[in-house]
């Protein structure tokens, strides 16, 4: 809508006022900041006001949008509002911890309540270097005081993901109350944003998976009992990752392919890594990172686990949290792409990376035959997400990091509706 009529953007911000609508608008504005800067100019004052007085999550997201807009118009980036002294104590005279309830497993997905979501957010922030565990008491108290959510409408309207944003608000308020210049530097804001914000990304919200060609043979075409076994499923998913609809002159550098039967979820992970010392033969260990947001490519850097810092891996498979499926990057480019190879993402299309003026990498998404399962979540659809590089770029990677080993990991998860 905004691409067709940029005048629609200020209208959307004026008329859509619910917490969920504002949340998606602020995320979407991250891409509009580079694609439609004139439209962002019309809502600039509102974004500045959100940065000044909004809830913590909104402040972080509006800061990202304003920074990307400033880069586009070659202006100075705004500073994140960090008070000289903390607004509150950030603690309560209580030893109460956050009630931790185990997640509900839906195949390969884990669904959590607001308490577990708060614990998860604190753990994720710790990964990025922020210890907010002392805030657990006040967070627990606030969460306990919130009445339980009620869901309106039939079950198929996804009541377990688009629930009230309780954990985001309570954890954000607690952190906001202790922000102070004596411990938080402006340079740390990108890390704080990566740790706090969920994985939904503006560039993928606007680019859903495309239909795969009819030539591709997906292993489980229906949810019935005639599904093939796990080994055959693994081989089929790896074949799709490496060769399914790959354009001529391109190579799959890292991929994640998921498929489902009526009783199992399957996921195949494919990547390349260097040989190391060449003597140790290890079982494949999926290289992971927390945080899949693309803003880190321009405003900070992707935090790579220490286990992969000294080894070349072609992609980092994303963990973390998100409310919507298929709206975030499943694979992050490793630091070696920009530090070792000098590759950079296109500011106007985060799905493309360049070496100088030469296009070297693209993020590709496709889905298999869509299935109607009236008894389970509709997101259980076959999807392939991958980074592709040109054949010439792949040869440059090998010249820089040595001979590369092709790695595959396969996981299956039992599913019960």
Protein backbone atom coordinates (compact mmCIF):
# COMPACT_ATOMS: atom_id res chain seq x y z
CA UNK A 1 0.00 0.00 0.00
CA UNK A 2 2.76 2.46 0.94
CA UNK A 3 4.73 1.49 -2.19
CA UNK A 4 1.72 2.43 -4.32
CA UNK A 5 0.78 5.58 -2.39
CA UNK A 6 3.29 7.07 0.05
CA UNK A 7 0.60 9.41 1.36
CA UNK A 8 -0.93 6.33 2.99
CA UNK A 9 1.87 6.08 5.55
CA UNK A 10 0.95 9.09 7.74
CA UNK A 11 -2.69 8.06 7.40
CA UNK A 12 -1.87 4.59 8.75
CA UNK A 13 -0.06 6.05 11.74
CA UNK A 14 -2.98 8.38 12.38
CA UNK A 15 -5.77 5.79 12.23
CA UNK A 16 -4.23 2.54 13.43
CA UNK A 17 -3.90 2.93 17.18
CA UNK A 18 -4.04 -0.59 18.68
CA UNK A 19 -0.80 -1.90 20.24
CA UNK A 20 -0.46 -4.63 17.62
CA UNK A 21 -1.11 -2.28 14.69
CA UNK A 22 1.43 0.23 15.98
CA UNK A 23 3.94 -2.54 16.51
CA UNK A 24 3.74 -3.78 12.90
CA UNK A 25 3.75 -0.22 11.54
CA UNK A 26 6.94 0.68 13.39
CA UNK A 27 8.66 -2.47 12.18
CA UNK A 28 7.49 -1.88 8.60
CA UNK A 29 8.74 1.72 8.75
CA UNK A 30 12.28 0.33 9.06
CA UNK A 31 12.25 -0.54 5.35
CA UNK A 32 10.22 2.53 4.40
CA UNK A 33 13.03 4.67 5.84
CA UNK A 34 15.21 3.78 2.86
CA UNK A 35 12.58 2.96 0.23
CA UNK A 36 10.20 5.88 0.88
CA UNK A 37 12.07 8.60 2.80
CA UNK A 38 9.57 11.28 1.73
CA UNK A 39 6.81 9.36 3.50
CA UNK A 40 8.96 9.01 6.62
CA UNK A 41 9.53 12.76 6.58
CA UNK A 42 5.77 13.23 6.97
CA UNK A 43 5.74 11.23 10.22
CA UNK A 44 9.19 12.30 11.44
CA UNK A 45 7.85 14.38 14.33
CA UNK A 46 5.66 11.52 15.51
CA UNK A 47 8.61 9.13 15.44
CA UNK A 48 10.66 11.61 17.47
CA UNK A 49 7.83 11.85 20.01
CA UNK A 50 7.65 8.04 20.25
CA UNK A 51 11.41 7.97 20.79
CA UNK A 52 10.99 10.49 23.61
CA UNK A 53 7.86 9.22 25.40
CA UNK A 54 6.89 5.79 24.02
CA UNK A 55 7.17 2.43 25.68
CA UNK A 56 10.65 0.90 25.70
CA UNK A 57 10.06 -1.43 22.73
CA UNK A 58 8.60 1.47 20.73
CA UNK A 59 11.55 3.69 21.62
CA UNK A 60 14.03 1.12 20.35
CA UNK A 61 12.11 0.54 17.11
CA UNK A 62 11.55 4.24 16.40
CA UNK A 63 15.26 4.89 17.03
CA UNK A 64 16.11 2.23 14.42
CA UNK A 65 13.72 3.80 11.90
CA UNK A 66 15.08 7.31 12.51
CA UNK A 67 18.69 6.09 12.21
CA UNK A 68 17.99 4.36 8.90
CA UNK A 69 16.15 7.47 7.68
CA UNK A 70 19.08 9.67 8.71
CA UNK A 71 21.49 7.43 6.81
CA UNK A 72 19.27 7.69 3.72
CA UNK A 73 19.18 11.50 3.73
CA UNK A 74 22.83 11.75 4.86
CA UNK A 75 21.95 13.38 8.17
CA UNK A 76 23.30 12.83 11.66
CA UNK A 77 21.70 9.89 13.47
CA UNK A 78 19.52 10.71 16.49
CA UNK A 79 20.73 9.87 19.96
CA UNK A 80 18.78 7.40 22.03
CA UNK A 81 17.34 9.15 25.11
CA UNK A 82 19.53 8.02 28.02
CA UNK A 83 18.85 9.97 31.22
CA UNK A 84 21.74 11.22 33.33
CA UNK A 85 20.31 9.35 36.31
CA UNK A 86 17.85 6.45 36.52
CA UNK A 87 14.17 7.33 36.80
CA UNK A 88 13.50 4.55 39.32
CA UNK A 89 15.29 2.10 41.56
CA UNK A 90 14.46 -0.86 39.30
CA UNK A 91 14.07 -3.20 42.25
CA UNK A 92 11.62 -4.14 44.95
CA UNK A 93 12.17 -5.39 48.50
CA UNK A 94 11.22 -8.93 47.55
CA UNK A 95 13.02 -12.13 46.73
CA UNK A 96 10.22 -13.20 44.44
CA UNK A 97 11.38 -14.63 41.13
CA UNK A 98 9.50 -14.92 37.86
CA UNK A 99 7.23 -17.95 37.78
CA UNK A 100 8.72 -20.25 35.15
CA UNK A 101 6.27 -22.53 33.39
CA UNK A 102 7.74 -25.01 30.89
CA UNK A 103 7.00 -24.22 27.24
CA UNK A 104 4.31 -26.05 25.31
CA UNK A 105 5.93 -28.00 22.48
CA UNK A 106 4.16 -27.82 19.12
CA UNK A 107 6.55 -29.90 17.05
CA UNK A 108 9.71 -27.85 16.48
CA UNK A 109 8.11 -24.72 18.00
CA UNK A 110 7.95 -23.82 21.66
CA UNK A 111 5.04 -21.71 22.87
CA UNK A 112 5.51 -19.80 26.12
CA UNK A 113 3.33 -17.78 28.46
CA UNK A 114 4.15 -14.22 29.47
CA UNK A 115 6.24 -15.34 32.46
CA UNK A 116 8.43 -17.67 30.42
CA UNK A 117 8.61 -14.99 27.70
CA UNK A 118 9.98 -12.54 30.26
CA UNK A 119 12.59 -15.07 31.46
CA UNK A 120 13.53 -15.76 27.84
CA UNK A 121 13.96 -12.05 27.12
CA UNK A 122 16.24 -11.62 30.14
CA UNK A 123 18.32 -14.61 29.00
CA UNK A 124 18.57 -13.22 25.50
CA UNK A 125 19.68 -9.82 26.84
CA UNK A 126 22.34 -11.62 28.88
CA UNK A 127 23.67 -13.14 25.63
CA UNK A 128 24.21 -9.59 24.36
CA UNK A 129 26.01 -8.55 27.53
CA UNK A 130 23.23 -7.10 29.70
CA UNK A 131 22.53 -8.56 33.13
CA UNK A 132 19.00 -7.52 34.04
CA UNK A 133 18.39 -10.49 36.35
CA UNK A 134 18.16 -8.18 39.41
CA UNK A 135 14.95 -6.82 37.85
CA UNK A 136 13.24 -10.22 38.18
CA UNK A 137 11.44 -9.22 41.38
CA UNK A 138 9.70 -6.17 39.98
CA UNK A 139 8.97 -7.96 36.70
CA UNK A 140 7.39 -10.90 38.55
CA UNK A 141 5.27 -8.58 40.66
CA UNK A 142 3.98 -6.65 37.64
CA UNK A 143 3.22 -9.80 35.65
CA UNK A 144 1.31 -11.30 38.57
CA UNK A 145 -0.91 -8.23 38.82
CA UNK A 146 -2.04 -8.44 35.17
CA UNK A 147 -5.36 -10.20 34.60
CA UNK A 148 -5.38 -13.23 32.35
CA UNK A 149 -6.02 -12.63 28.65
CA UNK A 150 -9.26 -13.74 27.05
CA UNK A 151 -9.41 -14.78 23.42
CA UNK A 152 -12.27 -13.78 21.17
CA UNK A 153 -13.28 -15.81 18.14
CA UNK A 154 -12.50 -19.32 16.87
CA UNK A 155 -9.28 -21.16 17.71
CA UNK A 156 -7.93 -20.84 14.17
CA UNK A 157 -7.36 -17.09 14.70
CA UNK A 158 -4.06 -17.91 16.35
CA UNK A 159 -4.66 -17.08 20.02
CA UNK A 160 -1.28 -18.42 21.12
CA UNK A 161 0.94 -15.98 19.21
CA UNK A 162 -0.96 -12.68 18.93
CA UNK A 163 -1.61 -12.44 22.66
CA UNK A 164 -1.32 -9.19 24.65
CA UNK A 165 2.18 -7.71 24.71
CA UNK A 166 2.47 -8.11 28.49
CA UNK A 167 6.02 -9.41 28.75
CA UNK A 168 7.33 -6.83 26.28
CA UNK A 169 5.74 -3.98 28.26
CA UNK A 170 6.64 -5.17 31.76
CA UNK A 171 10.26 -6.10 30.99
CA UNK A 172 10.64 -2.93 28.93
CA UNK A 173 9.26 -0.71 31.70
CA UNK A 174 11.64 -2.29 34.21
CA UNK A 175 14.67 -1.71 31.97
CA UNK A 176 13.53 1.81 31.11
CA UNK A 177 13.37 2.67 34.81
CA UNK A 178 17.10 2.02 35.33
CA UNK A 179 18.55 3.49 32.13
CA UNK A 180 21.31 5.91 33.07
CA UNK A 181 24.34 7.43 31.38
CA UNK A 182 26.70 6.11 34.07
CA UNK A 183 26.41 2.54 32.75
CA UNK A 184 24.78 2.71 29.30
CA UNK A 185 26.68 4.16 26.36
CA UNK A 186 25.10 5.17 23.06
CA UNK A 187 27.31 2.61 21.31
CA UNK A 188 25.54 -0.19 23.22
CA UNK A 189 22.04 0.64 21.97
CA UNK A 190 22.26 -1.63 18.88
CA UNK A 191 23.13 -4.55 21.18
CA UNK A 192 20.31 -3.64 23.55
CA UNK A 193 17.89 -3.53 20.61
CA UNK A 194 19.06 -6.91 19.31
CA UNK A 195 18.62 -8.42 22.75
CA UNK A 196 15.19 -6.97 23.44
CA UNK A 197 13.35 -6.90 20.11
CA UNK A 198 11.79 -9.98 18.55
CA UNK A 199 12.88 -11.44 15.21
CA UNK A 200 10.17 -10.10 12.89
CA UNK A 201 11.99 -8.11 10.21
CA UNK A 202 10.61 -5.40 7.96
CA UNK A 203 12.30 -6.73 4.83
CA UNK A 204 10.75 -10.17 5.21
CA UNK A 205 7.32 -8.93 6.25
CA UNK A 206 7.15 -7.37 2.79
CA UNK A 207 8.59 -10.43 1.02
CA UNK A 208 6.73 -13.68 1.80
CA UNK A 209 8.10 -17.00 0.50
CA UNK A 210 7.43 -17.48 -3.20
CA UNK A 211 5.82 -20.67 -4.57
CA UNK A 212 8.40 -23.27 -5.54
CA UNK A 213 8.25 -24.67 -9.05
CA UNK A 214 6.29 -27.82 -9.74
CA UNK A 215 9.58 -29.60 -10.57
CA UNK A 216 10.50 -29.84 -6.89
CA UNK A 217 9.47 -33.03 -5.14
CA UNK A 218 8.63 -32.25 -1.53
CA UNK A 219 8.82 -35.37 0.64
CA UNK A 220 5.49 -35.05 2.49
CA UNK A 221 2.90 -33.68 0.12
CA UNK A 222 -0.03 -34.41 2.42
CA UNK A 223 -0.66 -34.81 6.14
CA UNK A 224 -1.87 -38.40 5.77
CA UNK A 225 -0.36 -41.55 7.18
CA UNK A 226 1.48 -42.40 3.94
CA UNK A 227 4.34 -40.00 4.69
CA UNK A 228 7.85 -41.24 3.93
CA UNK A 229 10.40 -42.00 6.64
CA UNK A 230 12.88 -39.60 8.25
CA UNK A 231 15.95 -40.68 6.24
CA UNK A 232 14.19 -40.22 2.92
CA UNK A 233 12.79 -36.90 4.19
CA UNK A 234 16.29 -35.76 5.14
CA UNK A 235 17.72 -36.58 1.72
CA UNK A 236 14.81 -34.88 -0.05
CA UNK A 237 15.11 -31.69 2.03
CA UNK A 238 18.87 -31.46 1.46
CA UNK A 239 18.31 -31.91 -2.28
CA UNK A 240 15.77 -29.07 -2.23
CA UNK A 241 18.17 -26.86 -0.28
CA UNK A 242 21.08 -27.41 -2.63
CA UNK A 243 19.44 -27.74 -6.03
CA UNK A 244 15.75 -26.81 -5.89
CA UNK A 245 15.14 -23.79 -8.14
CA UNK A 246 18.70 -22.51 -7.68
CA UNK A 247 19.36 -19.95 -10.44
CA UNK A 248 22.12 -20.70 -12.92
CA UNK A 249 25.47 -19.43 -11.71
CA UNK A 250 24.51 -19.52 -8.01
CA UNK A 251 25.32 -21.92 -5.14
CA UNK A 252 23.54 -22.55 -1.84
CA UNK A 253 25.85 -21.37 0.94
CA UNK A 254 23.49 -21.97 3.89
CA UNK A 255 19.90 -23.23 4.07
CA UNK A 256 17.16 -24.32 6.40
CA UNK A 257 14.30 -26.41 5.01
CA UNK A 258 11.27 -27.46 7.07
CA UNK A 259 8.55 -29.95 6.25
CA UNK A 260 5.77 -31.66 8.16
CA UNK A 261 3.88 -34.90 8.33
CA UNK A 262 0.75 -35.47 10.37
CA UNK A 263 2.81 -36.55 13.38
CA UNK A 264 6.28 -35.00 12.96
CA UNK A 265 8.05 -31.73 12.18
CA UNK A 266 11.28 -31.99 10.16
CA UNK A 267 14.10 -29.47 9.76
CA UNK A 268 17.26 -29.81 7.67
CA UNK A 269 20.20 -27.44 8.20
CA UNK A 270 22.83 -27.10 5.47
CA UNK A 271 26.02 -25.03 5.62
CA UNK A 272 29.72 -24.96 4.78
CA UNK A 273 32.63 -24.69 7.22
CA UNK A 274 36.39 -24.70 7.01
CA UNK A 275 38.35 -27.86 7.73
CA UNK A 276 40.04 -26.50 10.84
CA UNK A 277 43.11 -28.53 11.72
CA UNK A 278 41.96 -31.16 9.22
CA UNK A 279 42.54 -34.01 11.68
CA UNK A 280 39.49 -33.93 13.95
CA UNK A 281 36.29 -35.45 12.60
CA UNK A 282 33.37 -34.02 14.53
CA UNK A 283 29.65 -34.57 14.36
CA UNK A 284 27.96 -31.55 12.76
CA UNK A 285 26.96 -28.88 15.26
CA UNK A 286 24.53 -26.30 13.89
CA UNK A 287 26.12 -22.81 14.16
CA UNK A 288 23.58 -20.65 15.94
CA UNK A 289 23.10 -17.02 16.96
CA UNK A 290 20.42 -15.11 18.84
CA UNK A 291 18.73 -12.33 16.95
CA UNK A 292 17.78 -12.30 13.30
CA UNK A 293 17.17 -8.61 12.70
CA UNK A 294 18.83 -6.95 9.73
CA UNK A 295 19.22 -3.49 11.33
CA UNK A 296 22.35 -4.83 13.05
CA UNK A 297 24.11 -4.91 9.67
CA UNK A 298 24.06 -1.10 9.52
CA UNK A 299 23.73 0.05 13.13
CA UNK A 300 25.97 -2.43 14.92
CA UNK A 301 27.10 -5.98 14.23
CA UNK A 302 25.78 -9.51 14.56
CA UNK A 303 27.03 -11.09 17.77
CA UNK A 304 28.63 -14.37 16.77
CA UNK A 305 28.96 -17.15 19.39
CA UNK A 306 32.48 -17.67 20.72
CA UNK A 307 32.34 -21.28 19.49
CA UNK A 308 32.42 -20.07 15.88
CA UNK A 309 34.64 -16.98 16.20
CA UNK A 310 37.79 -18.82 15.10
CA UNK A 311 36.13 -20.95 12.43
CA UNK A 312 34.58 -20.00 9.13
CA UNK A 313 30.92 -21.00 8.91
CA UNK A 314 28.83 -19.89 5.95
CA UNK A 315 25.73 -18.96 7.97
CA UNK A 316 24.39 -18.62 11.52
CA UNK A 317 20.99 -20.20 12.17
CA UNK A 318 18.79 -17.86 14.15
CA UNK A 319 17.28 -18.55 17.54
CA UNK A 320 15.21 -16.23 19.69
CA UNK A 321 11.53 -15.30 19.80
CA UNK A 322 8.91 -13.99 17.44
CA UNK A 323 5.14 -13.75 17.27
CA UNK A 324 4.66 -14.48 13.56
CA UNK A 325 6.14 -17.32 11.53
CA UNK A 326 7.98 -16.72 8.26
CA UNK A 327 8.56 -13.04 9.08
CA UNK A 328 12.20 -13.14 10.15
CA UNK A 329 15.59 -14.21 8.82
CA UNK A 330 16.23 -17.86 9.61
CA UNK A 331 19.93 -17.47 8.78
CA UNK A 332 22.24 -14.57 9.62
CA UNK A 333 25.34 -13.84 7.53
CA UNK A 334 28.47 -14.49 9.64
CA UNK A 335 30.90 -11.72 10.52
CA UNK A 336 33.34 -13.14 7.96
CA UNK A 337 31.12 -11.86 5.16
CA UNK A 338 31.78 -8.22 5.99
CA UNK A 339 35.01 -8.41 8.03
CA UNK A 340 36.78 -11.07 5.96
CA UNK A 341 35.28 -10.52 2.51
CA UNK A 342 34.21 -6.88 2.62
CA UNK A 343 30.66 -7.73 1.48
CA UNK A 344 27.89 -5.26 2.32
CA UNK A 345 24.07 -5.43 2.27
CA UNK A 346 22.09 -3.27 -0.13
CA UNK A 347 20.48 -0.45 1.93
CA UNK A 348 17.43 -0.60 -0.35
CA UNK A 349 17.09 -4.39 -0.32
CA UNK A 350 18.44 -6.29 2.67
CA UNK A 351 18.00 -9.57 0.78
CA UNK A 352 20.95 -8.66 -1.48
CA UNK A 353 24.64 -8.32 -0.60
CA UNK A 354 27.38 -6.78 -2.73
CA UNK A 355 31.16 -6.81 -3.03
CA UNK A 356 31.65 -3.25 -4.21
CA UNK A 357 29.32 -2.95 -7.22
CA UNK A 358 29.11 -6.72 -7.77
CA UNK A 359 26.08 -8.67 -6.56
CA UNK A 360 27.43 -11.69 -4.64
CA UNK A 361 24.67 -13.00 -2.31
CA UNK A 362 20.89 -13.15 -2.05
CA UNK A 363 18.40 -14.41 0.52
CA UNK A 364 15.93 -16.77 -1.14
CA UNK A 365 12.62 -18.07 0.27
CA UNK A 366 10.16 -20.50 -1.26
CA UNK A 367 7.33 -22.70 -0.09
CA UNK A 368 6.09 -26.08 -1.26
CA UNK A 369 2.48 -27.15 -1.85
CA UNK A 370 0.28 -25.46 0.77
CA UNK A 371 -1.81 -27.85 2.81
CA UNK A 372 -5.09 -27.54 4.62
CA UNK A 373 -4.87 -29.03 8.09
CA UNK A 374 -8.07 -28.20 10.01
CA UNK A 375 -6.73 -29.67 13.25
CA UNK A 376 -3.30 -28.03 13.53
CA UNK A 377 -1.66 -24.60 13.13
CA UNK A 378 -1.71 -23.27 9.59
CA UNK A 379 1.99 -22.34 9.77
CA UNK A 380 2.94 -26.03 9.39
CA UNK A 381 3.81 -25.60 5.71
CA UNK A 382 6.94 -26.70 3.77
CA UNK A 383 9.38 -23.77 3.47
CA UNK A 384 12.97 -23.41 2.28
CA UNK A 385 15.02 -20.38 3.36
CA UNK A 386 18.60 -20.00 2.19
CA UNK A 387 21.47 -17.74 1.27
CA UNK A 388 22.78 -18.15 -2.26
CA UNK A 389 26.11 -16.84 -3.51
CA UNK A 390 27.49 -16.62 -7.01
CA UNK A 391 29.89 -19.33 -8.11
CA UNK A 392 32.65 -16.73 -8.37
CA UNK A 393 31.93 -15.51 -4.81
CA UNK A 394 32.08 -19.12 -3.56
CA UNK A 395 35.53 -19.53 -5.12
CA UNK A 396 36.61 -16.30 -3.42
CA UNK A 397 35.41 -17.67 -0.07
CA UNK A 398 37.52 -20.79 -0.56
CA UNK A 399 40.51 -18.71 -1.59
CA UNK A 400 40.15 -16.65 1.61
CA UNK A 401 39.25 -19.38 4.13
CA UNK A 402 40.66 -22.56 2.57
CA UNK A 403 38.90 -25.73 1.50
CA UNK A 404 35.33 -25.93 2.78
CA UNK A 405 33.42 -28.91 4.11
CA UNK A 406 29.72 -29.39 3.36
CA UNK A 407 27.72 -30.00 6.55
CA UNK A 408 24.18 -31.24 7.18
CA UNK A 409 22.16 -31.61 10.36
CA UNK A 410 18.65 -33.04 10.48
CA UNK A 411 16.14 -32.88 13.29
CA UNK A 412 12.68 -34.36 13.73
CA UNK A 413 10.21 -33.36 16.43
CA UNK A 414 7.03 -35.26 17.37
CA UNK A 415 3.86 -33.22 16.87
CA UNK A 416 0.65 -33.57 18.85
CA UNK A 417 -2.25 -31.23 18.23
